[in-house]
Amino acid sequence: LRWNRVLPPEVEQAVDRCRSKSDLPALRKTCEINPSPIARLILIAIS
């Protein structure tokens, strides 16, 4: 339950950079590289 494992900084930064649909592929790739609970929820939301 370490904070970096539940909410990786890379995923948090990718979410902040996502402003349009064109940024979704980059967000998806970041979530796939950094598996975590929040990343899996984001992938579900994207799908």
ModelCIF file with pLDDT and N, C-alpha, C, O atoms, coordinates in Angstrom:
data_MODEL
#
_entry.id   MODEL 
#
_entity.id                         1 
_entity.type                       polymer 
_entity.pdbx_number_of_molecules   1 
#
_entity_poly.entity_id                      1 
_entity_poly.type                           'polypeptide(L)' 
_entity_poly.nstd_linkage                   no 
_entity_poly.nstd_monomer                   no 
_entity_poly.pdbx_seq_one_letter_code       LRWNRVLPPEVEQAVDRCRSKSDLPALRKTCEINPSPIARLILIAIS 
_entity_poly.pdbx_seq_one_letter_code_can   LRWNRVLPPEVEQAVDRCRSKSDLPALRKTCEINPSPIARLILIAIS 
_entity_poly.pdbx_strand_id                 A 
#
loop_
_entity_poly_seq.entity_id 
_entity_poly_seq.num 
_entity_poly_seq.mon_id 
_entity_poly_seq.hetero 
1 1  LEU n 
1 2  ARG n 
1 3  TRP n 
1 4  ASN n 
1 5  ARG n 
1 6  VAL n 
1 7  LEU n 
1 8  PRO n 
1 9  PRO n 
1 10 GLU n 
1 11 VAL n 
1 12 GLU n 
1 13 GLN n 
1 14 ALA n 
1 15 VAL n 
1 16 ASP n 
1 17 ARG n 
1 18 CYS n 
1 19 ARG n 
1 20 SER n 
1 21 LYS n 
1 22 SER n 
1 23 ASP n 
1 24 LEU n 
1 25 PRO n 
1 26 ALA n 
1 27 LEU n 
1 28 ARG n 
1 29 LYS n 
1 30 THR n 
1 31 CYS n 
1 32 GLU n 
1 33 ILE n 
1 34 ASN n 
1 35 PRO n 
1 36 SER n 
1 37 PRO n 
1 38 ILE n 
1 39 ALA n 
1 40 ARG n 
1 41 LEU n 
1 42 ILE n 
1 43 LEU n 
1 44 ILE n 
1 45 ALA n 
1 46 ILE n 
1 47 SER n 
#
_struct_asym.id          A 
_struct_asym.entity_id   1 
#
loop_
_ma_qa_metric.id 
_ma_qa_metric.mode 
_ma_qa_metric.name 
_ma_qa_metric.software_group_id 
_ma_qa_metric.type 
1 global pLDDT . pLDDT 
2 local  pLDDT . pLDDT 
#
_ma_qa_metric_global.metric_id      1 
_ma_qa_metric_global.metric_value   84.28 
_ma_qa_metric_global.model_id       1 
_ma_qa_metric_global.ordinal_id     1 
#
loop_
_ma_qa_metric_local.label_asym_id 
_ma_qa_metric_local.label_comp_id 
_ma_qa_metric_local.label_seq_id 
_ma_qa_metric_local.metric_id 
_ma_qa_metric_local.metric_value 
_ma_qa_metric_local.model_id 
_ma_qa_metric_local.ordinal_id 
A LEU 1  2 79.00 1 1  
A ARG 2  2 81.00 1 2  
A TRP 3  2 79.00 1 3  
A ASN 4  2 80.00 1 4  
A ARG 5  2 80.00 1 5  
A VAL 6  2 80.00 1 6  
A LEU 7  2 82.00 1 7  
A PRO 8  2 85.00 1 8  
A PRO 9  2 85.00 1 9  
A GLU 10 2 87.00 1 10 
A VAL 11 2 86.00 1 11 
A GLU 12 2 84.00 1 12 
A GLN 13 2 85.00 1 13 
A ALA 14 2 85.00 1 14 
A VAL 15 2 84.00 1 15 
A ASP 16 2 83.00 1 16 
A ARG 17 2 84.00 1 17 
A CYS 18 2 82.00 1 18 
A ARG 19 2 79.00 1 19 
A SER 20 2 78.00 1 20 
A LYS 21 2 78.00 1 21 
A SER 22 2 81.00 1 22 
A ASP 23 2 81.00 1 23 
A LEU 24 2 83.00 1 24 
A PRO 25 2 85.00 1 25 
A ALA 26 2 86.00 1 26 
A LEU 27 2 86.00 1 27 
A ARG 28 2 86.00 1 28 
A LYS 29 2 88.00 1 29 
A THR 30 2 87.00 1 30 
A CYS 31 2 86.00 1 31 
A GLU 32 2 86.00 1 32 
A ILE 33 2 88.00 1 33 
A ASN 34 2 85.00 1 34 
A PRO 35 2 85.00 1 35 
A SER 36 2 85.00 1 36 
A PRO 37 2 87.00 1 37 
A ILE 38 2 86.00 1 38 
A ALA 39 2 88.00 1 39 
A ARG 40 2 89.00 1 40 
A LEU 41 2 88.00 1 41 
A ILE 42 2 87.00 1 42 
A LEU 43 2 88.00 1 43 
A ILE 44 2 88.00 1 44 
A ALA 45 2 86.00 1 45 
A ILE 46 2 85.00 1 46 
A SER 47 2 85.00 1 47 
#
loop_
_atom_site.group_PDB 
_atom_site.id 
_atom_site.type_symbol 
_atom_site.label_atom_id 
_atom_site.label_alt_id 
_atom_site.label_comp_id 
_atom_site.label_asym_id 
_atom_site.label_entity_id 
_atom_site.label_seq_id 
_atom_site.pdbx_PDB_ins_code 
_atom_site.Cartn_x 
_atom_site.Cartn_y 
_atom_site.Cartn_z 
_atom_site.occupancy 
_atom_site.B_iso_or_equiv 
_atom_site.pdbx_formal_charge 
_atom_site.auth_seq_id 
_atom_site.auth_comp_id 
_atom_site.auth_asym_id 
_atom_site.auth_atom_id 
_atom_site.pdbx_PDB_model_num 
ATOM 1   N N  . LEU A 1 1  ? 0.807   -1.222 0.000   1.00 79.00 ? 1  LEU A N  1 
ATOM 2   C CA . LEU A 1 1  ? 0.000   0.000  0.000   1.00 79.00 ? 1  LEU A CA 1 
ATOM 3   C C  . LEU A 1 1  ? 0.839   1.271  0.000   1.00 79.00 ? 1  LEU A C  1 
ATOM 4   O O  . LEU A 1 1  ? 0.373   2.335  0.410   1.00 79.00 ? 1  LEU A O  1 
ATOM 5   N N  . ARG A 1 2  ? 2.073   1.153  -0.460  1.00 81.00 ? 2  ARG A N  1 
ATOM 6   C CA . ARG A 1 2  ? 2.871   2.370  -0.590  1.00 81.00 ? 2  ARG A CA 1 
ATOM 7   C C  . ARG A 1 2  ? 2.225   3.312  -1.612  1.00 81.00 ? 2  ARG A C  1 
ATOM 8   O O  . ARG A 1 2  ? 1.639   2.868  -2.599  1.00 81.00 ? 2  ARG A O  1 
ATOM 9   N N  . TRP A 1 3  ? 2.342   4.603  -1.361  1.00 79.00 ? 3  TRP A N  1 
ATOM 10  C CA . TRP A 1 3  ? 1.668   5.599  -2.202  1.00 79.00 ? 3  TRP A CA 1 
ATOM 11  C C  . TRP A 1 3  ? 2.133   5.513  -3.654  1.00 79.00 ? 3  TRP A C  1 
ATOM 12  O O  . TRP A 1 3  ? 1.323   5.652  -4.570  1.00 79.00 ? 3  TRP A O  1 
ATOM 13  N N  . ASN A 1 4  ? 3.419   5.287  -3.872  1.00 80.00 ? 4  ASN A N  1 
ATOM 14  C CA . ASN A 1 4  ? 3.956   5.217  -5.232  1.00 80.00 ? 4  ASN A CA 1 
ATOM 15  C C  . ASN A 1 4  ? 3.464   3.995  -5.995  1.00 80.00 ? 4  ASN A C  1 
ATOM 16  O O  . ASN A 1 4  ? 3.469   3.989  -7.226  1.00 80.00 ? 4  ASN A O  1 
ATOM 17  N N  . ARG A 1 5  ? 3.039   2.958  -5.274  1.00 80.00 ? 5  ARG A N  1 
ATOM 18  C CA . ARG A 1 5  ? 2.506   1.774  -5.948  1.00 80.00 ? 5  ARG A CA 1 
ATOM 19  C C  . ARG A 1 5  ? 1.023   1.921  -6.244  1.00 80.00 ? 5  ARG A C  1 
ATOM 20  O O  . ARG A 1 5  ? 0.537   1.393  -7.245  1.00 80.00 ? 5  ARG A O  1 
ATOM 21  N N  . VAL A 1 6  ? 0.306   2.622  -5.397  1.00 80.00 ? 6  VAL A N  1 
ATOM 22  C CA . VAL A 1 6  ? -1.124  2.836  -5.630  1.00 80.00 ? 6  VAL A CA 1 
ATOM 23  C C  . VAL A 1 6  ? -1.344  3.936  -6.661  1.00 80.00 ? 6  VAL A C  1 
ATOM 24  O O  . VAL A 1 6  ? -2.207  3.810  -7.530  1.00 80.00 ? 6  VAL A O  1 
ATOM 25  N N  . LEU A 1 7  ? -0.571  5.006  -6.569  1.00 82.00 ? 7  LEU A N  1 
ATOM 26  C CA . LEU A 1 7  ? -0.683  6.140  -7.499  1.00 82.00 ? 7  LEU A CA 1 
ATOM 27  C C  . LEU A 1 7  ? 0.725   6.527  -7.967  1.00 82.00 ? 7  LEU A C  1 
ATOM 28  O O  . LEU A 1 7  ? 1.344   7.423  -7.393  1.00 82.00 ? 7  LEU A O  1 
ATOM 29  N N  . PRO A 1 8  ? 1.232   5.852  -9.011  1.00 85.00 ? 8  PRO A N  1 
ATOM 30  C CA . PRO A 1 8  ? 2.589   6.171  -9.506  1.00 85.00 ? 8  PRO A CA 1 
ATOM 31  C C  . PRO A 1 8  ? 2.674   7.610  -10.004 1.00 85.00 ? 8  PRO A C  1 
ATOM 32  O O  . PRO A 1 8  ? 1.725   8.101  -10.615 1.00 85.00 ? 8  PRO A O  1 
ATOM 33  N N  . PRO A 1 9  ? 3.784   8.294  -9.757  1.00 85.00 ? 9  PRO A N  1 
ATOM 34  C CA . PRO A 1 9  ? 3.939   9.685  -10.234 1.00 85.00 ? 9  PRO A CA 1 
ATOM 35  C C  . PRO A 1 9  ? 3.832   9.797  -11.747 1.00 85.00 ? 9  PRO A C  1 
ATOM 36  O O  . PRO A 1 9  ? 3.330   10.798 -12.257 1.00 85.00 ? 9  PRO A O  1 
ATOM 37  N N  . GLU A 1 10 ? 4.303   8.771  -12.482 1.00 87.00 ? 10 GLU A N  1 
ATOM 38  C CA . GLU A 1 10 ? 4.240   8.820  -13.942 1.00 87.00 ? 10 GLU A CA 1 
ATOM 39  C C  . GLU A 1 10 ? 2.792   8.864  -14.430 1.00 87.00 ? 10 GLU A C  1 
ATOM 40  O O  . GLU A 1 10 ? 2.464   9.608  -15.355 1.00 87.00 ? 10 GLU A O  1 
ATOM 41  N N  . VAL A 1 11 ? 1.932   8.067  -13.804 1.00 86.00 ? 11 VAL A N  1 
ATOM 42  C CA . VAL A 1 11 ? 0.515   8.067  -14.186 1.00 86.00 ? 11 VAL A CA 1 
ATOM 43  C C  . VAL A 1 11 ? -0.134  9.399  -13.830 1.00 86.00 ? 11 VAL A C  1 
ATOM 44  O O  . VAL A 1 11 ? -0.933  9.933  -14.600 1.00 86.00 ? 11 VAL A O  1 
ATOM 45  N N  . GLU A 1 12 ? 0.203   9.922  -12.687 1.00 84.00 ? 12 GLU A N  1 
ATOM 46  C CA . GLU A 1 12 ? -0.351  11.210 -12.262 1.00 84.00 ? 12 GLU A CA 1 
ATOM 47  C C  . GLU A 1 12 ? 0.055   12.321 -13.227 1.00 84.00 ? 12 GLU A C  1 
ATOM 48  O O  . GLU A 1 12 ? -0.769  13.164 -13.583 1.00 84.00 ? 12 GLU A O  1 
ATOM 49  N N  . GLN A 1 13 ? 1.308   12.328 -13.648 1.00 85.00 ? 13 GLN A N  1 
ATOM 50  C CA . GLN A 1 13 ? 1.772   13.333 -14.608 1.00 85.00 ? 13 GLN A CA 1 
ATOM 51  C C  . GLN A 1 13 ? 1.121   13.156 -15.970 1.00 85.00 ? 13 GLN A C  1 
ATOM 52  O O  . GLN A 1 13 ? 0.791   14.137 -16.635 1.00 85.00 ? 13 GLN A O  1 
ATOM 53  N N  . ALA A 1 14 ? 0.932   11.886 -16.395 1.00 85.00 ? 14 ALA A N  1 
ATOM 54  C CA . ALA A 1 14 ? 0.275   11.633 -17.684 1.00 85.00 ? 14 ALA A CA 1 
ATOM 55  C C  . ALA A 1 14 ? -1.174  12.106 -17.675 1.00 85.00 ? 14 ALA A C  1 
ATOM 56  O O  . ALA A 1 14 ? -1.667  12.620 -18.679 1.00 85.00 ? 14 ALA A O  1 
ATOM 57  N N  . VAL A 1 15 ? -1.863  11.934 -16.536 1.00 84.00 ? 15 VAL A N  1 
ATOM 58  C CA . VAL A 1 15 ? -3.240  12.422 -16.424 1.00 84.00 ? 15 VAL A CA 1 
ATOM 59  C C  . VAL A 1 15 ? -3.271  13.939 -16.500 1.00 84.00 ? 15 VAL A C  1 
ATOM 60  O O  . VAL A 1 15 ? -4.164  14.508 -17.129 1.00 84.00 ? 15 VAL A O  1 
ATOM 61  N N  . ASP A 1 16 ? -2.318  14.598 -15.873 1.00 83.00 ? 16 ASP A N  1 
ATOM 62  C CA . ASP A 1 16 ? -2.260  16.061 -15.926 1.00 83.00 ? 16 ASP A CA 1 
ATOM 63  C C  . ASP A 1 16 ? -1.993  16.566 -17.346 1.00 83.00 ? 16 ASP A C  1 
ATOM 64  O O  . ASP A 1 16 ? -2.474  17.634 -17.722 1.00 83.00 ? 16 ASP A O  1 
ATOM 65  N N  . ARG A 1 17 ? -1.230  15.804 -18.134 1.00 84.00 ? 17 ARG A N  1 
ATOM 66  C CA . ARG A 1 17 ? -0.899  16.233 -19.497 1.00 84.00 ? 17 ARG A CA 1 
ATOM 67  C C  . ARG A 1 17 ? -1.996  15.903 -20.507 1.00 84.00 ? 17 ARG A C  1 
ATOM 68  O O  . ARG A 1 17 ? -1.995  16.423 -21.623 1.00 84.00 ? 17 ARG A O  1 
ATOM 69  N N  . CYS A 1 18 ? -2.931  15.039 -20.114 1.00 82.00 ? 18 CYS A N  1 
ATOM 70  C CA . CYS A 1 18 ? -3.993  14.631 -21.031 1.00 82.00 ? 18 CYS A CA 1 
ATOM 71  C C  . CYS A 1 18 ? -5.058  15.737 -21.107 1.00 82.00 ? 18 CYS A C  1 
ATOM 72  O O  . CYS A 1 18 ? -5.794  15.972 -20.149 1.00 82.00 ? 18 CYS A O  1 
ATOM 73  N N  . ARG A 1 19 ? -5.125  16.408 -22.265 1.00 79.00 ? 19 ARG A N  1 
ATOM 74  C CA . ARG A 1 19 ? -6.069  17.514 -22.453 1.00 79.00 ? 19 ARG A CA 1 
ATOM 75  C C  . ARG A 1 19 ? -7.107  17.234 -23.537 1.00 79.00 ? 19 ARG A C  1 
ATOM 76  O O  . ARG A 1 19 ? -8.149  17.889 -23.582 1.00 79.00 ? 19 ARG A O  1 
ATOM 77  N N  . SER A 1 20 ? -6.834  16.277 -24.400 1.00 78.00 ? 20 SER A N  1 
ATOM 78  C CA . SER A 1 20 ? -7.747  15.988 -25.508 1.00 78.00 ? 20 SER A CA 1 
ATOM 79  C C  . SER A 1 20 ? -7.639  14.508 -25.858 1.00 78.00 ? 20 SER A C  1 
ATOM 80  O O  . SER A 1 20 ? -6.837  13.773 -25.282 1.00 78.00 ? 20 SER A O  1 
ATOM 81  N N  . LYS A 1 21 ? -8.475  14.082 -26.828 1.00 78.00 ? 21 LYS A N  1 
ATOM 82  C CA . LYS A 1 21 ? -8.452  12.685 -27.247 1.00 78.00 ? 21 LYS A CA 1 
ATOM 83  C C  . LYS A 1 21 ? -7.134  12.290 -27.880 1.00 78.00 ? 21 LYS A C  1 
ATOM 84  O O  . LYS A 1 21 ? -6.760  11.117 -27.864 1.00 78.00 ? 21 LYS A O  1 
ATOM 85  N N  . SER A 1 22 ? -6.435  13.252 -28.433 1.00 81.00 ? 22 SER A N  1 
ATOM 86  C CA . SER A 1 22 ? -5.149  12.933 -29.047 1.00 81.00 ? 22 SER A CA 1 
ATOM 87  C C  . SER A 1 22 ? -4.099  12.526 -28.018 1.00 81.00 ? 22 SER A C  1 
ATOM 88  O O  . SER A 1 22 ? -3.106  11.888 -28.367 1.00 81.00 ? 22 SER A O  1 
ATOM 89  N N  . ASP A 1 23 ? -4.309  12.887 -26.764 1.00 81.00 ? 23 ASP A N  1 
ATOM 90  C CA . ASP A 1 23 ? -3.368  12.526 -25.700 1.00 81.00 ? 23 ASP A CA 1 
ATOM 91  C C  . ASP A 1 23 ? -3.693  11.174 -25.060 1.00 81.00 ? 23 ASP A C  1 
ATOM 92  O O  . ASP A 1 23 ? -2.927  10.684 -24.230 1.00 81.00 ? 23 ASP A O  1 
ATOM 93  N N  . LEU A 1 24 ? -4.821  10.571 -25.439 1.00 83.00 ? 24 LEU A N  1 
ATOM 94  C CA . LEU A 1 24 ? -5.225  9.298  -24.831 1.00 83.00 ? 24 LEU A CA 1 
ATOM 95  C C  . LEU A 1 24 ? -4.252  8.161  -25.114 1.00 83.00 ? 24 LEU A C  1 
ATOM 96  O O  . LEU A 1 24 ? -3.984  7.373  -24.207 1.00 83.00 ? 24 LEU A O  1 
ATOM 97  N N  . PRO A 1 25 ? -3.697  8.030  -26.352 1.00 85.00 ? 25 PRO A N  1 
ATOM 98  C CA . PRO A 1 25 ? -2.732  6.941  -26.572 1.00 85.00 ? 25 PRO A CA 1 
ATOM 99  C C  . PRO A 1 25 ? -1.524  7.016  -25.634 1.00 85.00 ? 25 PRO A C  1 
ATOM 100 O O  . PRO A 1 25 ? -1.052  5.991  -25.142 1.00 85.00 ? 25 PRO A O  1 
ATOM 101 N N  . ALA A 1 26 ? -1.027  8.233  -25.388 1.00 86.00 ? 26 ALA A N  1 
ATOM 102 C CA . ALA A 1 26 ? 0.114   8.392  -24.487 1.00 86.00 ? 26 ALA A CA 1 
ATOM 103 C C  . ALA A 1 26 ? -0.280  8.018  -23.053 1.00 86.00 ? 26 ALA A C  1 
ATOM 104 O O  . ALA A 1 26 ? 0.495   7.392  -22.329 1.00 86.00 ? 26 ALA A O  1 
ATOM 105 N N  . LEU A 1 27 ? -1.504  8.414  -22.653 1.00 86.00 ? 27 LEU A N  1 
ATOM 106 C CA . LEU A 1 27 ? -1.983  8.068  -21.308 1.00 86.00 ? 27 LEU A CA 1 
ATOM 107 C C  . LEU A 1 27 ? -2.158  6.564  -21.174 1.00 86.00 ? 27 LEU A C  1 
ATOM 108 O O  . LEU A 1 27 ? -1.803  5.980  -20.151 1.00 86.00 ? 27 LEU A O  1 
ATOM 109 N N  . ARG A 1 28 ? -2.715  5.929  -22.226 1.00 86.00 ? 28 ARG A N  1 
ATOM 110 C CA . ARG A 1 28 ? -2.895  4.491  -22.190 1.00 86.00 ? 28 ARG A CA 1 
ATOM 111 C C  . ARG A 1 28 ? -1.547  3.774  -22.063 1.00 86.00 ? 28 ARG A C  1 
ATOM 112 O O  . ARG A 1 28 ? -1.407  2.838  -21.276 1.00 86.00 ? 28 ARG A O  1 
ATOM 113 N N  . LYS A 1 29 ? -0.572  4.213  -22.833 1.00 88.00 ? 29 LYS A N  1 
ATOM 114 C CA . LYS A 1 29 ? 0.754   3.587  -22.804 1.00 88.00 ? 29 LYS A CA 1 
ATOM 115 C C  . LYS A 1 29 ? 1.404   3.741  -21.424 1.00 88.00 ? 29 LYS A C  1 
ATOM 116 O O  . LYS A 1 29 ? 2.025   2.808  -20.914 1.00 88.00 ? 29 LYS A O  1 
ATOM 117 N N  . THR A 1 30 ? 1.254   4.918  -20.834 1.00 87.00 ? 30 THR A N  1 
ATOM 118 C CA . THR A 1 30 ? 1.833   5.152  -19.500 1.00 87.00 ? 30 THR A CA 1 
ATOM 119 C C  . THR A 1 30 ? 1.177   4.247  -18.458 1.00 87.00 ? 30 THR A C  1 
ATOM 120 O O  . THR A 1 30 ? 1.854   3.716  -17.578 1.00 87.00 ? 30 THR A O  1 
ATOM 121 N N  . CYS A 1 31 ? -0.152  4.074  -18.561 1.00 86.00 ? 31 CYS A N  1 
ATOM 122 C CA . CYS A 1 31 ? -0.865  3.207  -17.603 1.00 86.00 ? 31 CYS A CA 1 
ATOM 123 C C  . CYS A 1 31 ? -0.463  1.747  -17.781 1.00 86.00 ? 31 CYS A C  1 
ATOM 124 O O  . CYS A 1 31 ? -0.374  1.005  -16.803 1.00 86.00 ? 31 CYS A O  1 
ATOM 125 N N  . GLU A 1 32 ? -0.219  1.332  -19.022 1.00 86.00 ? 32 GLU A N  1 
ATOM 126 C CA . GLU A 1 32 ? 0.196   -0.047 -19.262 1.00 86.00 ? 32 GLU A CA 1 
ATOM 127 C C  . GLU A 1 32 ? 1.611   -0.301 -18.769 1.00 86.00 ? 32 GLU A C  1 
ATOM 128 O O  . GLU A 1 32 ? 1.920   -1.400 -18.309 1.00 86.00 ? 32 GLU A O  1 
ATOM 129 N N  . ILE A 1 33 ? 2.478   0.708  -18.861 1.00 88.00 ? 33 ILE A N  1 
ATOM 130 C CA . ILE A 1 33 ? 3.862   0.560  -18.391 1.00 88.00 ? 33 ILE A CA 1 
ATOM 131 C C  . ILE A 1 33 ? 3.927   0.559  -16.873 1.00 88.00 ? 33 ILE A C  1 
ATOM 132 O O  . ILE A 1 33 ? 4.772   -0.115 -16.283 1.00 88.00 ? 33 ILE A O  1 
ATOM 133 N N  . ASN A 1 34 ? 3.029   1.321  -16.235 1.00 85.00 ? 34 ASN A N  1 
ATOM 134 C CA . ASN A 1 34 ? 3.029   1.449  -14.771 1.00 85.00 ? 34 ASN A CA 1 
ATOM 135 C C  . ASN A 1 34 ? 1.735   0.860  -14.203 1.00 85.00 ? 34 ASN A C  1 
ATOM 136 O O  . ASN A 1 34 ? 0.821   1.607  -13.856 1.00 85.00 ? 34 ASN A O  1 
ATOM 137 N N  . PRO A 1 35 ? 1.646   -0.469 -14.105 1.00 85.00 ? 35 PRO A N  1 
ATOM 138 C CA . PRO A 1 35 ? 0.407   -1.085 -13.584 1.00 85.00 ? 35 PRO A CA 1 
ATOM 139 C C  . PRO A 1 35 ? 0.187   -0.729 -12.117 1.00 85.00 ? 35 PRO A C  1 
ATOM 140 O O  . PRO A 1 35 ? 1.090   -0.848 -11.289 1.00 85.00 ? 35 PRO A O  1 
ATOM 141 N N  . SER A 1 36 ? -1.007  -0.299 -11.824 1.00 85.00 ? 36 SER A N  1 
ATOM 142 C CA . SER A 1 36 ? -1.379  0.079  -10.457 1.00 85.00 ? 36 SER A CA 1 
ATOM 143 C C  . SER A 1 36 ? -2.903  0.155  -10.407 1.00 85.00 ? 36 SER A C  1 
ATOM 144 O O  . SER A 1 36 ? -3.552  0.129  -11.453 1.00 85.00 ? 36 SER A O  1 
ATOM 145 N N  . PRO A 1 37 ? -3.480  0.248  -9.222  1.00 87.00 ? 37 PRO A N  1 
ATOM 146 C CA . PRO A 1 37 ? -4.947  0.337  -9.143  1.00 87.00 ? 37 PRO A CA 1 
ATOM 147 C C  . PRO A 1 37 ? -5.514  1.522  -9.918  1.00 87.00 ? 37 PRO A C  1 
ATOM 148 O O  . PRO A 1 37 ? -6.495  1.368  -10.645 1.00 87.00 ? 37 PRO A O  1 
ATOM 149 N N  . ILE A 1 38 ? -4.913  2.699  -9.773  1.00 86.00 ? 38 ILE A N  1 
ATOM 150 C CA . ILE A 1 38 ? -5.430  3.868  -10.482 1.00 86.00 ? 38 ILE A CA 1 
ATOM 151 C C  . ILE A 1 38 ? -5.218  3.748  -11.987 1.00 86.00 ? 38 ILE A C  1 
ATOM 152 O O  . ILE A 1 38 ? -6.041  4.216  -12.773 1.00 86.00 ? 38 ILE A O  1 
ATOM 153 N N  . ALA A 1 39 ? -4.096  3.109  -12.391 1.00 88.00 ? 39 ALA A N  1 
ATOM 154 C CA . ALA A 1 39 ? -3.838  2.925  -13.819 1.00 88.00 ? 39 ALA A CA 1 
ATOM 155 C C  . ALA A 1 39 ? -4.857  1.974  -14.438 1.00 88.00 ? 39 ALA A C  1 
ATOM 156 O O  . ALA A 1 39 ? -5.313  2.204  -15.558 1.00 88.00 ? 39 ALA A O  1 
ATOM 157 N N  . ARG A 1 40 ? -5.218  0.920  -13.733 1.00 89.00 ? 40 ARG A N  1 
ATOM 158 C CA . ARG A 1 40 ? -6.218  -0.016 -14.262 1.00 89.00 ? 40 ARG A CA 1 
ATOM 159 C C  . ARG A 1 40 ? -7.593  0.630  -14.361 1.00 89.00 ? 40 ARG A C  1 
ATOM 160 O O  . ARG A 1 40 ? -8.347  0.336  -15.288 1.00 89.00 ? 40 ARG A O  1 
ATOM 161 N N  . LEU A 1 41 ? -7.927  1.501  -13.425 1.00 88.00 ? 41 LEU A N  1 
ATOM 162 C CA . LEU A 1 41 ? -9.202  2.224  -13.517 1.00 88.00 ? 41 LEU A CA 1 
ATOM 163 C C  . LEU A 1 41 ? -9.206  3.165  -14.720 1.00 88.00 ? 41 LEU A C  1 
ATOM 164 O O  . LEU A 1 41 ? -10.217 3.296  -15.410 1.00 88.00 ? 41 LEU A O  1 
ATOM 165 N N  . ILE A 1 42 ? -8.082  3.813  -14.964 1.00 87.00 ? 42 ILE A N  1 
ATOM 166 C CA . ILE A 1 42 ? -7.999  4.716  -16.123 1.00 87.00 ? 42 ILE A CA 1 
ATOM 167 C C  . ILE A 1 42 ? -8.127  3.940  -17.425 1.00 87.00 ? 42 ILE A C  1 
ATOM 168 O O  . ILE A 1 42 ? -8.785  4.399  -18.358 1.00 87.00 ? 42 ILE A O  1 
ATOM 169 N N  . LEU A 1 43 ? -7.513  2.784  -17.494 1.00 88.00 ? 43 LEU A N  1 
ATOM 170 C CA . LEU A 1 43 ? -7.615  1.954  -18.704 1.00 88.00 ? 43 LEU A CA 1 
ATOM 171 C C  . LEU A 1 43 ? -9.060  1.517  -18.946 1.00 88.00 ? 43 LEU A C  1 
ATOM 172 O O  . LEU A 1 43 ? -9.516  1.486  -20.089 1.00 88.00 ? 43 LEU A O  1 
ATOM 173 N N  . ILE A 1 44 ? -9.785  1.178  -17.864 1.00 88.00 ? 44 ILE A N  1 
ATOM 174 C CA . ILE A 1 44 ? -11.201 0.836  -18.010 1.00 88.00 ? 44 ILE A CA 1 
ATOM 175 C C  . ILE A 1 44 ? -11.985 2.030  -18.533 1.00 88.00 ? 44 ILE A C  1 
ATOM 176 O O  . ILE A 1 44 ? -12.833 1.890  -19.414 1.00 88.00 ? 44 ILE A O  1 
ATOM 177 N N  . ALA A 1 45 ? -11.696 3.212  -17.982 1.00 86.00 ? 45 ALA A N  1 
ATOM 178 C CA . ALA A 1 45 ? -12.403 4.421  -18.421 1.00 86.00 ? 45 ALA A CA 1 
ATOM 179 C C  . ALA A 1 45 ? -12.120 4.718  -19.897 1.00 86.00 ? 45 ALA A C  1 
ATOM 180 O O  . ALA A 1 45 ? -13.017 5.133  -20.632 1.00 86.00 ? 45 ALA A O  1 
ATOM 181 N N  . ILE A 1 46 ? -10.883 4.507  -20.324 1.00 85.00 ? 46 ILE A N  1 
ATOM 182 C CA . ILE A 1 46 ? -10.535 4.750  -21.730 1.00 85.00 ? 46 ILE A CA 1 
ATOM 183 C C  . ILE A 1 46 ? -11.225 3.745  -22.649 1.00 85.00 ? 46 ILE A C  1 
ATOM 184 O O  . ILE A 1 46 ? -11.716 4.106  -23.718 1.00 85.00 ? 46 ILE A O  1 
ATOM 185 N N  . SER A 1 47 ? -11.258 2.477  -22.221 1.00 85.00 ? 47 SER A N  1 
ATOM 186 C CA . SER A 1 47 ? -11.864 1.443  -23.064 1.00 85.00 ? 47 SER A CA 1 
ATOM 187 C C  . SER A 1 47 ? -13.375 1.621  -23.198 1.00 85.00 ? 47 SER A C  1 
ATOM 188 O O  . SER A 1 47 ? -14.032 0.831  -23.875 1.00 85.00 ? 47 SER A O  1 
#
